[in-house]
Amino acid sequence: MKIRSTPERQDTSTAGWRHLLELIDEAAADGREEFRPLVELSAEERRQVVTLPTSIAKLTAVKHFVLYGSNIVRIPPEIGAMTSLEELTPYTSYRLHWFPYEITRCSQLVRSTVSTRALFGNYKLRPPFPQLQPPRVAVADLDLPALDARRRGTTAIRGCSVCDRPIKQRGLHQVWLSLRVATDVLPLLVNACSAACVAALPSGAEDHVQLPHTGGRVKQPPSDWD
């Protein structure tokens, strides 16, 4: 299965995680425009990093974010705060199967290098999207900072992907949507606070499912794509 939810959680006690936090702080402080954190981590440290920290929101000067060959399974919604981002390179990050909808907030993002075959499969195999849970009008009984990724697709939800209001004060409506982001069509996870926010989403990319959906097997891209 290519587009899937990976339940693995980040161990924040590892040397790799601590080193990555330091590198992000350094990059934010010096205002660098290109950020290649993995080249400064050892092979063992790279294996220890399975998600990016929320502190990437501080990288507002970064124009090119390189994650080539990472072990990452999830990118947090805070990538949407990287307002200068022009190019994203997660190529050969084969454990990364979807992106947060908040990446669409990176209005300067025009170039990406993503293996769409690794995301969507090929003409012989179109794996299903993970099945998302039914919508909820209240989330008081959900531990939003510590969710089960097998059920919710992600381990933490803070704000609405669409309007940015706090989810904890409203409801939770999760859907998948495939949109063209920069160079590539990406499967995006939307954590919306209401049915109205889901209705406000744009149409899906050409040759992909046009409406938001909750998962399962869908016919996209066309069967003649390889």
C-alpha atoms as a PDB file:
ATOM      1  CA  MET A   1       0.000   0.000   0.000  1.00  0.00           C
ATOM      2  CA  LYS A   2       1.412   3.378  -0.948  1.00  0.00           C
ATOM      3  CA  ILE A   3      -1.041   5.961   0.364  1.00  0.00           C
ATOM      4  CA  ARG A   4      -1.373   4.839   3.923  1.00  0.00           C
ATOM      5  CA  SER A   5      -1.384   5.928   7.520  1.00  0.00           C
ATOM      6  CA  THR A   6       1.826   5.030   9.358  1.00  0.00           C
ATOM      7  CA  PRO A   7       1.208   4.602  13.099  1.00  0.00           C
ATOM      8  CA  GLU A   8       4.840   5.138  14.068  1.00  0.00           C
ATOM      9  CA  ARG A   9       5.292   7.977  16.567  1.00  0.00           C
ATOM     10  CA  GLN A  10       8.338  10.197  16.889  1.00  0.00           C
ATOM     11  CA  ASP A  11      10.664   9.382  19.794  1.00  0.00           C
ATOM     12  CA  THR A  12      11.619  12.847  21.005  1.00  0.00           C
ATOM     13  CA  SER A  13      14.356  11.508  23.276  1.00  0.00           C
ATOM     14  CA  THR A  14      16.655  10.448  20.436  1.00  0.00           C
ATOM     15  CA  ALA A  15      19.846  12.209  19.447  1.00  0.00           C
ATOM     16  CA  GLY A  16      18.541  12.630  15.903  1.00  0.00           C
ATOM     17  CA  TRP A  17      15.429  14.513  17.057  1.00  0.00           C
ATOM     18  CA  ARG A  18      17.419  16.800  19.363  1.00  0.00           C
ATOM     19  CA  HIS A  19      19.973  17.496  16.631  1.00  0.00           C
ATOM     20  CA  LEU A  20      17.209  18.360  14.156  1.00  0.00           C
ATOM     21  CA  LEU A  21      15.676  20.821  16.622  1.00  0.00           C
ATOM     22  CA  GLU A  22      19.075  22.511  16.963  1.00  0.00           C
ATOM     23  CA  LEU A  23      19.517  22.736  13.201  1.00  0.00           C
ATOM     24  CA  ILE A  24      16.076  24.330  12.804  1.00  0.00           C
ATOM     25  CA  ASP A  25      16.884  26.894  15.483  1.00  0.00           C
ATOM     26  CA  GLU A  26      20.164  27.716  13.746  1.00  0.00           C
ATOM     27  CA  ALA A  27      18.490  28.073  10.360  1.00  0.00           C
ATOM     28  CA  ALA A  28      15.776  30.318  11.792  1.00  0.00           C
ATOM     29  CA  ALA A  29      18.370  32.488  13.544  1.00  0.00           C
ATOM     30  CA  ASP A  30      20.616  33.035  10.544  1.00  0.00           C
ATOM     31  CA  GLY A  31      17.771  33.461   8.048  1.00  0.00           C
ATOM     32  CA  ARG A  32      19.167  30.994   5.535  1.00  0.00           C
ATOM     33  CA  GLU A  33      17.259  30.501   2.294  1.00  0.00           C
ATOM     34  CA  GLU A  34      18.209  26.851   1.677  1.00  0.00           C
ATOM     35  CA  PHE A  35      17.787  24.248   4.392  1.00  0.00           C
ATOM     36  CA  ARG A  36      19.259  20.747   4.057  1.00  0.00           C
ATOM     37  CA  PRO A  37      19.058  19.369   7.603  1.00  0.00           C
ATOM     38  CA  LEU A  38      19.564  15.696   6.759  1.00  0.00           C
ATOM     39  CA  VAL A  39      23.073  16.177   5.389  1.00  0.00           C
ATOM     40  CA  GLU A  40      24.129  17.334   8.862  1.00  0.00           C
ATOM     41  CA  LEU A  41      22.672  14.281  10.614  1.00  0.00           C
ATOM     42  CA  SER A  42      24.460  10.951  10.873  1.00  0.00           C
ATOM     43  CA  ALA A  43      22.913   7.897   9.204  1.00  0.00           C
ATOM     44  CA  GLU A  44      21.633   6.678  12.576  1.00  0.00           C
ATOM     45  CA  GLU A  45      20.197  10.108  13.415  1.00  0.00           C
ATOM     46  CA  ARG A  46      18.374  10.238  10.077  1.00  0.00           C
ATOM     47  CA  ARG A  47      16.759   6.875  10.813  1.00  0.00           C
ATOM     48  CA  GLN A  48      15.519   8.257  14.143  1.00  0.00           C
ATOM     49  CA  VAL A  49      13.553  11.122  12.559  1.00  0.00           C
ATOM     50  CA  VAL A  50      10.104  10.008  11.365  1.00  0.00           C
ATOM     51  CA  THR A  51       8.381  13.391  11.368  1.00  0.00           C
ATOM     52  CA  LEU A  52       9.352  17.049  11.314  1.00  0.00           C
ATOM     53  CA  PRO A  53       8.925  19.188  14.421  1.00  0.00           C
ATOM     54  CA  THR A  54       6.340  21.947  14.589  1.00  0.00           C
ATOM     55  CA  SER A  55       9.222  24.406  14.935  1.00  0.00           C
ATOM     56  CA  ILE A  56       9.618  24.378  11.141  1.00  0.00           C
ATOM     57  CA  ALA A  57       7.084  27.222  11.369  1.00  0.00           C
ATOM     58  CA  LYS A  58      10.059  29.429  12.290  1.00  0.00           C
ATOM     59  CA  LEU A  59      11.738  28.860   8.922  1.00  0.00           C
ATOM     60  CA  THR A  60      10.060  31.826   7.288  1.00  0.00           C
ATOM     61  CA  ALA A  61      13.136  32.758   5.213  1.00  0.00           C
ATOM     62  CA  VAL A  62      13.720  29.291   3.713  1.00  0.00           C
ATOM     63  CA  LYS A  63      13.080  29.149  -0.032  1.00  0.00           C
ATOM     64  CA  HIS A  64      14.356  25.629  -0.750  1.00  0.00           C
ATOM     65  CA  PHE A  65      13.660  22.807   1.716  1.00  0.00           C
ATOM     66  CA  VAL A  66      15.562  19.606   0.905  1.00  0.00           C
ATOM     67  CA  LEU A  67      14.454  16.311   2.480  1.00  0.00           C
ATOM     68  CA  TYR A  68      15.987  14.006  -0.110  1.00  0.00           C
ATOM     69  CA  GLY A  69      16.052  10.368   1.031  1.00  0.00           C
ATOM     70  CA  SER A  70      14.504  10.974   4.435  1.00  0.00           C
ATOM     71  CA  ASN A  71      12.894   8.416   6.770  1.00  0.00           C
ATOM     72  CA  ILE A  72       9.990  10.804   7.370  1.00  0.00           C
ATOM     73  CA  VAL A  73       6.427   9.440   7.461  1.00  0.00           C
ATOM     74  CA  ARG A  74       4.614  12.718   8.207  1.00  0.00           C
ATOM     75  CA  ILE A  75       5.053  16.462   7.738  1.00  0.00           C
ATOM     76  CA  PRO A  76       3.212  18.671  10.261  1.00  0.00           C
ATOM     77  CA  PRO A  77       0.694  21.340   9.217  1.00  0.00           C
ATOM     78  CA  GLU A  78       3.161  23.992  10.389  1.00  0.00           C
ATOM     79  CA  ILE A  79       4.860  23.759   7.011  1.00  0.00           C
ATOM     80  CA  GLY A  80       2.150  26.194   5.934  1.00  0.00           C
ATOM     81  CA  ALA A  81       3.947  28.899   7.945  1.00  0.00           C
ATOM     82  CA  MET A  82       7.018  28.662   5.688  1.00  0.00           C
ATOM     83  CA  THR A  83       5.793  31.631   3.703  1.00  0.00           C
ATOM     84  CA  SER A  84       8.946  32.078   1.591  1.00  0.00           C
ATOM     85  CA  LEU A  85       9.096  28.449   0.468  1.00  0.00           C
ATOM     86  CA  GLU A  86       9.564  28.204  -3.307  1.00  0.00           C
ATOM     87  CA  GLU A  87      10.894  24.664  -3.749  1.00  0.00           C
ATOM     88  CA  LEU A  88      10.331  21.434  -1.820  1.00  0.00           C
ATOM     89  CA  THR A  89      12.468  18.355  -2.459  1.00  0.00           C
ATOM     90  CA  PRO A  90      11.353  15.244  -0.559  1.00  0.00           C
ATOM     91  CA  TYR A  91      12.315  12.948  -3.467  1.00  0.00           C
ATOM     92  CA  THR A  92      13.093   9.319  -2.494  1.00  0.00           C
ATOM     93  CA  SER A  93      11.437   9.809   0.911  1.00  0.00           C
ATOM     94  CA  TYR A  94       9.595   6.565   0.270  1.00  0.00           C
ATOM     95  CA  ARG A  95       7.829   6.426   3.652  1.00  0.00           C
ATOM     96  CA  LEU A  96       6.122   9.775   3.057  1.00  0.00           C
ATOM     97  CA  HIS A  97       2.734   8.940   1.531  1.00  0.00           C
ATOM     98  CA  TRP A  98       0.664  12.096   2.012  1.00  0.00           C
ATOM     99  CA  PHE A  99       1.000  15.793   2.877  1.00  0.00           C
ATOM    100  CA  PRO A 100      -0.969  18.179   5.111  1.00  0.00           C
ATOM    101  CA  TYR A 101      -3.470  20.414   3.329  1.00  0.00           C
ATOM    102  CA  GLU A 102      -1.785  23.381   5.023  1.00  0.00           C
ATOM    103  CA  ILE A 103       1.030  23.127   2.480  1.00  0.00           C
ATOM    104  CA  THR A 104      -1.324  25.012   0.136  1.00  0.00           C
ATOM    105  CA  ARG A 105      -0.691  28.090   2.314  1.00  0.00           C
ATOM    106  CA  CYS A 106       2.850  28.240   0.907  1.00  0.00           C
ATOM    107  CA  SER A 107       1.802  30.667  -1.801  1.00  0.00           C
ATOM    108  CA  GLN A 108       5.343  31.020  -3.203  1.00  0.00           C
ATOM    109  CA  LEU A 109       5.801  27.262  -3.707  1.00  0.00           C
ATOM    110  CA  VAL A 110       6.274  26.681  -7.446  1.00  0.00           C
ATOM    111  CA  ARG A 111       8.681  23.729  -7.686  1.00  0.00           C
ATOM    112  CA  SER A 112       8.598  20.289  -6.112  1.00  0.00           C
ATOM    113  CA  THR A 113      10.364  16.996  -6.665  1.00  0.00           C
ATOM    114  CA  VAL A 114       8.083  14.196  -5.511  1.00  0.00           C
ATOM    115  CA  SER A 115       7.759  10.647  -6.810  1.00  0.00           C
ATOM    116  CA  THR A 116       4.042  10.483  -7.614  1.00  0.00           C
ATOM    117  CA  ARG A 117       4.420   6.795  -8.420  1.00  0.00           C
ATOM    118  CA  ALA A 118       5.518   6.249  -4.832  1.00  0.00           C
ATOM    119  CA  LEU A 119       2.397   8.151  -3.721  1.00  0.00           C
ATOM    120  CA  PHE A 120      -0.275   6.832  -6.076  1.00  0.00           C
ATOM    121  CA  GLY A 121       1.190   3.543  -7.309  1.00  0.00           C
ATOM    122  CA  ASN A 122       1.198   2.639 -11.022  1.00  0.00           C
ATOM    123  CA  TYR A 123      -1.228   1.250 -13.555  1.00  0.00           C
ATOM    124  CA  LYS A 124      -0.915  -2.256 -12.048  1.00  0.00           C
ATOM    125  CA  LEU A 125      -1.599  -1.152  -8.485  1.00  0.00           C
ATOM    126  CA  ARG A 126      -3.781   1.718  -7.276  1.00  0.00           C
ATOM    127  CA  PRO A 127      -3.680   1.250  -3.490  1.00  0.00           C
ATOM    128  CA  PRO A 128      -6.578   2.617  -1.415  1.00  0.00           C
ATOM    129  CA  PHE A 129      -6.500   5.723   0.697  1.00  0.00           C
ATOM    130  CA  PRO A 130      -6.743   5.020   4.453  1.00  0.00           C
ATOM    131  CA  GLN A 131     -10.357   5.051   5.599  1.00  0.00           C
ATOM    132  CA  LEU A 132     -10.971   8.122   7.750  1.00  0.00           C
ATOM    133  CA  GLN A 133     -13.333   8.214  10.714  1.00  0.00           C
ATOM    134  CA  PRO A 134     -16.851   9.707  10.459  1.00  0.00           C
ATOM    135  CA  PRO A 135     -17.207  13.455  11.144  1.00  0.00           C
ATOM    136  CA  ARG A 136     -17.709  14.656  14.697  1.00  0.00           C
ATOM    137  CA  VAL A 137     -19.498  17.802  15.861  1.00  0.00           C
ATOM    138  CA  ALA A 138     -17.487  17.846  19.102  1.00  0.00           C
ATOM    139  CA  VAL A 139     -14.013  16.616  20.044  1.00  0.00           C
ATOM    140  CA  ALA A 140     -14.022  16.974  23.836  1.00  0.00           C
ATOM    141  CA  ASP A 141     -13.283  13.269  24.279  1.00  0.00           C
ATOM    142  CA  LEU A 142     -10.403  13.211  21.782  1.00  0.00           C
ATOM    143  CA  ASP A 143      -6.798  13.636  22.884  1.00  0.00           C
ATOM    144  CA  LEU A 144      -5.910  15.897  19.955  1.00  0.00           C
ATOM    145  CA  PRO A 145      -2.148  16.101  20.688  1.00  0.00           C
ATOM    146  CA  ALA A 146      -1.844  12.290  20.917  1.00  0.00           C
ATOM    147  CA  LEU A 147      -4.063  10.662  18.297  1.00  0.00           C
ATOM    148  CA  ASP A 148      -3.896   7.146  16.892  1.00  0.00           C
ATOM    149  CA  ALA A 149      -2.562   7.606  13.348  1.00  0.00           C
ATOM    150  CA  ARG A 150      -4.156   4.330  12.271  1.00  0.00           C
ATOM    151  CA  ARG A 151      -7.582   5.878  12.904  1.00  0.00           C
ATOM    152  CA  ARG A 152      -6.928   9.574  12.256  1.00  0.00           C
ATOM    153  CA  GLY A 153      -4.119   9.554   9.714  1.00  0.00           C
ATOM    154  CA  THR A 154      -2.025  11.787  11.948  1.00  0.00           C
ATOM    155  CA  THR A 155      -0.802  11.870  15.541  1.00  0.00           C
ATOM    156  CA  ALA A 156      -1.851  15.442  16.344  1.00  0.00           C
ATOM    157  CA  ILE A 157      -4.426  17.983  15.180  1.00  0.00           C
ATOM    158  CA  ARG A 158      -4.444  21.608  16.279  1.00  0.00           C
ATOM    159  CA  GLY A 159      -6.178  24.037  13.924  1.00  0.00           C
ATOM    160  CA  CYS A 160      -8.624  23.676  11.068  1.00  0.00           C
ATOM    161  CA  SER A 161      -6.784  23.100   7.800  1.00  0.00           C
ATOM    162  CA  VAL A 162      -9.155  25.492   6.036  1.00  0.00           C
ATOM    163  CA  CYS A 163     -10.030  28.377   8.396  1.00  0.00           C
ATOM    164  CA  ASP A 164      -7.268  27.839  11.008  1.00  0.00           C
ATOM    165  CA  ARG A 165      -9.666  28.025  13.961  1.00  0.00           C
ATOM    166  CA  PRO A 166      -8.861  25.694  16.892  1.00  0.00           C
ATOM    167  CA  ILE A 167     -10.298  22.228  16.342  1.00  0.00           C
ATOM    168  CA  LYS A 168     -10.761  21.719  20.086  1.00  0.00           C
ATOM    169  CA  GLN A 169     -13.429  24.433  20.138  1.00  0.00           C
ATOM    170  CA  ARG A 170     -15.379  23.013  17.227  1.00  0.00           C
ATOM    171  CA  GLY A 171     -15.746  19.666  15.416  1.00  0.00           C
ATOM    172  CA  LEU A 172     -13.610  17.429  13.237  1.00  0.00           C
ATOM    173  CA  HIS A 173     -14.299  16.540   9.613  1.00  0.00           C
ATOM    174  CA  GLN A 174     -11.400  14.675   7.969  1.00  0.00           C
ATOM    175  CA  VAL A 175     -11.178  14.205   4.204  1.00  0.00           C
ATOM    176  CA  TRP A 176      -8.641  13.435   1.509  1.00  0.00           C
ATOM    177  CA  LEU A 177      -8.148  15.701  -1.482  1.00  0.00           C
ATOM    178  CA  SER A 178      -5.678  15.370  -4.365  1.00  0.00           C
ATOM    179  CA  LEU A 179      -4.476  18.780  -5.556  1.00  0.00           C
ATOM    180  CA  ARG A 180      -1.682  20.083  -7.721  1.00  0.00           C
ATOM    181  CA  VAL A 181       0.845  21.700  -5.415  1.00  0.00           C
ATOM    182  CA  ALA A 182       3.773  23.272  -7.241  1.00  0.00           C
ATOM    183  CA  THR A 183       4.967  20.667  -9.774  1.00  0.00           C
ATOM    184  CA  ASP A 184       3.105  17.613  -8.490  1.00  0.00           C
ATOM    185  CA  VAL A 185      -0.361  16.364  -7.622  1.00  0.00           C
ATOM    186  CA  LEU A 186      -0.282  15.426  -3.939  1.00  0.00           C
ATOM    187  CA  PRO A 187      -2.669  13.491  -1.698  1.00  0.00           C
ATOM    188  CA  LEU A 188      -3.564  15.953   1.060  1.00  0.00           C
ATOM    189  CA  LEU A 189      -5.110  15.276   4.465  1.00  0.00           C
ATOM    190  CA  VAL A 190      -7.650  17.921   5.454  1.00  0.00           C
ATOM    191  CA  ASN A 191      -8.599  18.332   9.124  1.00  0.00           C
ATOM    192  CA  ALA A 192     -11.615  20.639   8.917  1.00  0.00           C
ATOM    193  CA  CYS A 193     -13.636  22.036  11.806  1.00  0.00           C
ATOM    194  CA  SER A 194     -16.999  21.927  10.036  1.00  0.00           C
ATOM    195  CA  ALA A 195     -18.908  20.705   7.005  1.00  0.00           C
ATOM    196  CA  ALA A 196     -18.838  24.311   5.764  1.00  0.00           C
ATOM    197  CA  CYS A 197     -15.028  24.258   5.676  1.00  0.00           C
ATOM    198  CA  VAL A 198     -15.086  20.986   3.743  1.00  0.00           C
ATOM    199  CA  ALA A 199     -17.531  22.567   1.279  1.00  0.00           C
ATOM    200  CA  ALA A 200     -15.125  25.491   0.821  1.00  0.00           C
ATOM    201  CA  LEU A 201     -12.329  23.237  -0.478  1.00  0.00           C
ATOM    202  CA  PRO A 202     -11.370  23.567  -4.160  1.00  0.00           C
ATOM    203  CA  SER A 203     -12.018  20.852  -6.719  1.00  0.00           C
ATOM    204  CA  GLY A 204      -9.458  18.083  -7.027  1.00  0.00           C
ATOM    205  CA  ALA A 205      -6.762  18.025  -9.703  1.00  0.00           C
ATOM    206  CA  GLU A 206      -7.573  17.079 -13.276  1.00  0.00           C
ATOM    207  CA  ASP A 207      -7.778  13.300 -13.776  1.00  0.00           C
ATOM    208  CA  HIS A 208      -8.167  12.823 -10.029  1.00  0.00           C
ATOM    209  CA  VAL A 209     -11.203  12.584  -7.754  1.00  0.00           C
ATOM    210  CA  GLN A 210     -12.811  16.005  -7.893  1.00  0.00           C
ATOM    211  CA  LEU A 211     -14.545  15.967  -4.516  1.00  0.00           C
ATOM    212  CA  PRO A 212     -13.137  15.498  -1.007  1.00  0.00           C
ATOM    213  CA  HIS A 213     -13.533  11.893   0.144  1.00  0.00           C
ATOM    214  CA  THR A 214     -13.005   9.834   3.282  1.00  0.00           C
ATOM    215  CA  GLY A 215     -10.809   7.119   1.803  1.00  0.00           C
ATOM    216  CA  GLY A 216     -11.027   3.691   0.288  1.00  0.00           C
ATOM    217  CA  ARG A 217     -10.215   2.639  -3.251  1.00  0.00           C
ATOM    218  CA  VAL A 218     -10.631   5.441  -5.783  1.00  0.00           C
ATOM    219  CA  LYS A 219      -9.955   5.538  -9.516  1.00  0.00           C
ATOM    220  CA  GLN A 220      -7.082   7.943  -9.803  1.00  0.00           C
ATOM    221  CA  PRO A 221      -4.893   8.620 -11.666  1.00  0.00           C
ATOM    222  CA  PRO A 222      -6.198   7.051 -14.929  1.00  0.00           C
ATOM    223  CA  SER A 223      -5.307   3.396 -15.503  1.00  0.00           C
ATOM    224  CA  ASP A 224      -3.071   4.231 -18.461  1.00  0.00           C
ATOM    225  CA  TRP A 225      -0.706   6.277 -16.294  1.00  0.00           C
ATOM    226  CA  ASP A 226       2.518   4.491 -15.385  1.00  0.00           C
END
